[in-house]
Amino acid sequence: MSEVTTYYLEMNSPDALNAKTESQGLVVTECKIKQFEYNRYLYGLVGKAWKWTDKLPWTEEQWKTYAEDKNLRLWVAYCQGTPAGYFELHKQKDDIEIAYFGLASEFIGKGWGGYLLSEAIRQAWNWQAARVWVHTCTLDHPSALKNYQSRGMTIYRTEVSPN
């Protein structure tokens, strides 16, 4: 049986952000009008390669409740008008979780992950966070953990579970 290691990372000050500032043409925009179908689409687009399955069986009502939560915000990264990736921020009291983050398969390896993550962290701090946190695991892209750490996030907990 294989194991999955989950890493929980945090940043406790905006000064800790080691931002990658060159967008290389990637445009990141907040979706201020909530459309649960778009959240669902992006979840499938980005998550397919990493076998994100927890929300696949959700009904439209579950997606609507999730996406229309006042404590959830969505940003989409576009390359020449095409959705290239996204991130969702979820406010939990004074903490903000980077709930979902990633690039679509055809946009991986172009140097955009660091810029998109920098934007996610920056937007979390702009939303008045006391702490920004995220979790990733060994099923995610092999560079995911390194990207989080390179941006200034530190591991505060690790869990190992059967796959």
Protein backbone atom coordinates (compact mmCIF):
# COMPACT_ATOMS: atom_id res chain seq x y z
CA MET A 1 0.00 0.00 0.00
CA SER A 2 1.35 3.44 -0.89
CA GLU A 3 1.31 6.41 1.43
CA VAL A 4 0.47 10.06 0.87
CA THR A 5 2.25 12.77 2.79
CA THR A 6 0.30 15.98 3.36
CA TYR A 7 2.18 19.16 4.18
CA TYR A 8 0.48 22.09 5.93
CA LEU A 9 2.24 25.38 5.32
CA GLU A 10 1.70 28.87 6.65
CA MET A 11 2.87 32.45 6.42
CA ASN A 12 2.41 34.70 9.42
CA SER A 13 3.47 38.05 7.99
CA PRO A 14 3.15 39.70 4.58
CA ASP A 15 6.85 40.58 4.90
CA ALA A 16 7.68 36.87 4.54
CA LEU A 17 6.43 36.80 0.95
CA ASN A 18 9.23 36.19 -1.53
CA ALA A 19 7.15 37.25 -4.52
CA LYS A 20 7.82 36.31 -8.09
CA THR A 21 6.77 39.51 -9.81
CA GLU A 22 7.26 38.81 -13.53
CA SER A 23 3.91 37.71 -14.99
CA GLN A 24 5.30 36.76 -18.42
CA GLY A 25 1.95 37.76 -19.91
CA LEU A 26 -0.25 35.94 -17.40
CA VAL A 27 -3.21 38.09 -16.34
CA VAL A 28 -4.86 37.33 -13.00
CA THR A 29 -8.40 38.61 -12.43
CA GLU A 30 -10.82 38.22 -9.56
CA CYS A 31 -14.22 36.85 -10.53
CA LYS A 32 -16.41 39.27 -8.61
CA ILE A 33 -19.67 37.87 -9.95
CA LYS A 34 -20.04 34.41 -8.47
CA GLN A 35 -20.93 31.60 -10.87
CA PHE A 36 -20.66 28.17 -9.31
CA GLU A 37 -20.36 26.60 -12.77
CA TYR A 38 -17.06 28.42 -13.29
CA ASN A 39 -15.65 27.19 -9.98
CA ARG A 40 -16.72 23.66 -10.94
CA TYR A 41 -15.16 24.00 -14.41
CA LEU A 42 -11.84 25.27 -13.05
CA TYR A 43 -11.76 22.55 -10.41
CA GLY A 44 -12.05 19.95 -13.18
CA LEU A 45 -9.68 21.71 -15.57
CA VAL A 46 -6.84 22.04 -13.07
CA GLY A 47 -7.59 19.10 -10.80
CA LYS A 48 -7.93 16.42 -13.46
CA ALA A 49 -4.17 15.86 -13.70
CA TRP A 50 -3.87 15.57 -9.91
CA LYS A 51 -6.91 13.38 -9.39
CA TRP A 52 -8.88 15.92 -7.38
CA THR A 53 -12.01 13.90 -6.69
CA ASP A 54 -13.53 15.17 -3.45
CA LYS A 55 -15.97 17.54 -5.20
CA LEU A 56 -16.71 15.48 -8.33
CA PRO A 57 -19.91 13.90 -6.94
CA TRP A 58 -21.29 17.24 -5.74
CA THR A 59 -24.73 18.34 -6.85
CA GLU A 60 -25.36 21.74 -8.39
CA GLU A 61 -26.81 22.88 -5.07
CA GLN A 62 -23.62 21.87 -3.22
CA TRP A 63 -21.49 23.73 -5.78
CA LYS A 64 -23.73 26.78 -5.54
CA THR A 65 -23.56 26.83 -1.73
CA TYR A 66 -19.78 26.47 -1.85
CA ALA A 67 -19.07 29.04 -4.58
CA GLU A 68 -21.51 31.65 -3.30
CA ASP A 69 -20.13 31.60 0.24
CA LYS A 70 -19.27 35.20 1.18
CA ASN A 71 -15.99 33.91 2.64
CA LEU A 72 -14.82 32.39 -0.66
CA ARG A 73 -13.19 34.41 -3.44
CA LEU A 74 -12.01 33.22 -6.87
CA TRP A 75 -9.21 34.50 -9.12
CA VAL A 76 -8.50 33.18 -12.60
CA ALA A 77 -5.20 33.37 -14.50
CA TYR A 78 -5.55 33.94 -18.23
CA CYS A 79 -3.06 33.44 -21.03
CA GLN A 80 -4.14 35.23 -24.19
CA GLY A 81 -7.76 35.11 -23.00
CA THR A 82 -7.71 31.40 -22.13
CA PRO A 83 -8.09 30.19 -18.52
CA ALA A 84 -4.65 28.92 -17.55
CA GLY A 85 -5.18 28.38 -13.84
CA TYR A 86 -6.88 29.66 -10.75
CA PHE A 87 -6.91 30.02 -7.00
CA GLU A 88 -9.63 30.21 -4.41
CA LEU A 89 -9.20 31.94 -1.07
CA HIS A 90 -11.36 30.90 1.87
CA LYS A 91 -11.54 33.17 4.90
CA GLN A 92 -11.79 31.35 8.23
CA LYS A 93 -12.04 33.89 11.06
CA ASP A 94 -8.68 35.71 10.85
CA ASP A 95 -6.93 33.07 8.73
CA ILE A 96 -7.15 32.74 4.98
CA GLU A 97 -6.67 29.38 3.32
CA ILE A 98 -5.51 29.02 -0.25
CA ALA A 99 -8.26 26.46 -0.75
CA TYR A 100 -7.46 25.52 -4.35
CA PHE A 101 -4.52 26.57 -6.49
CA GLY A 102 -3.05 25.39 -9.75
CA LEU A 103 -2.44 25.63 -13.45
CA ALA A 104 -4.09 23.64 -16.22
CA SER A 105 -1.82 20.92 -17.62
CA GLU A 106 -0.92 22.72 -20.84
CA PHE A 107 0.30 25.77 -18.87
CA ILE A 108 2.59 23.93 -16.45
CA GLY A 109 6.32 24.34 -16.96
CA LYS A 110 6.16 27.89 -18.31
CA GLY A 111 7.31 29.57 -15.09
CA TRP A 112 3.86 30.84 -14.09
CA GLY A 113 3.33 28.86 -10.88
CA GLY A 114 5.50 31.15 -8.77
CA TYR A 115 3.81 34.28 -10.09
CA LEU A 116 0.30 32.86 -9.59
CA LEU A 117 1.11 31.73 -6.05
CA SER A 118 2.61 35.14 -5.27
CA GLU A 119 -0.67 36.71 -6.39
CA ALA A 120 -2.68 34.29 -4.23
CA ILE A 121 -0.63 35.12 -1.15
CA ARG A 122 -0.72 38.86 -1.89
CA GLN A 123 -4.50 38.81 -2.31
CA ALA A 124 -4.88 36.84 0.93
CA TRP A 125 -2.91 39.49 2.83
CA ASN A 126 -4.93 42.24 1.13
CA TRP A 127 -8.07 40.54 2.50
CA GLN A 128 -6.83 41.28 6.03
CA ALA A 129 -5.44 37.90 7.00
CA ALA A 130 -3.68 37.27 10.29
CA ARG A 131 -2.21 34.14 8.72
CA VAL A 132 -2.21 32.57 5.25
CA TRP A 133 -2.12 28.80 5.01
CA VAL A 134 -2.36 25.99 2.50
CA HIS A 135 -1.90 22.26 2.31
CA THR A 136 -0.36 20.19 -0.44
CA CYS A 137 0.51 16.54 -0.73
CA THR A 138 2.71 14.10 -2.57
CA LEU A 139 -0.08 13.55 -5.13
CA ASP A 140 0.21 17.18 -6.29
CA HIS A 141 2.72 18.47 -8.85
CA PRO A 142 6.27 17.50 -7.81
CA SER A 143 7.23 21.21 -7.62
CA ALA A 144 4.23 22.29 -5.52
CA LEU A 145 5.91 22.04 -2.11
CA LYS A 146 9.03 23.78 -3.38
CA ASN A 147 6.94 26.61 -4.85
CA TYR A 148 5.15 27.21 -1.53
CA GLN A 149 8.43 27.20 0.35
CA SER A 150 10.15 29.41 -2.23
CA ARG A 151 7.42 32.02 -1.76
CA GLY A 152 8.18 32.08 1.99
CA MET A 153 5.68 29.62 3.45
CA THR A 154 6.88 27.23 6.15
CA ILE A 155 5.69 23.75 7.08
CA TYR A 156 3.91 23.62 10.43
CA ARG A 157 2.47 20.09 10.25
CA THR A 158 2.99 16.90 8.24
CA GLU A 159 0.65 13.90 8.06
CA VAL A 160 1.18 10.53 6.44
CA SER A 161 -1.84 8.45 5.48
CA PRO A 162 -2.53 5.42 3.28
CA ASN A 163 -3.44 6.16 -0.32
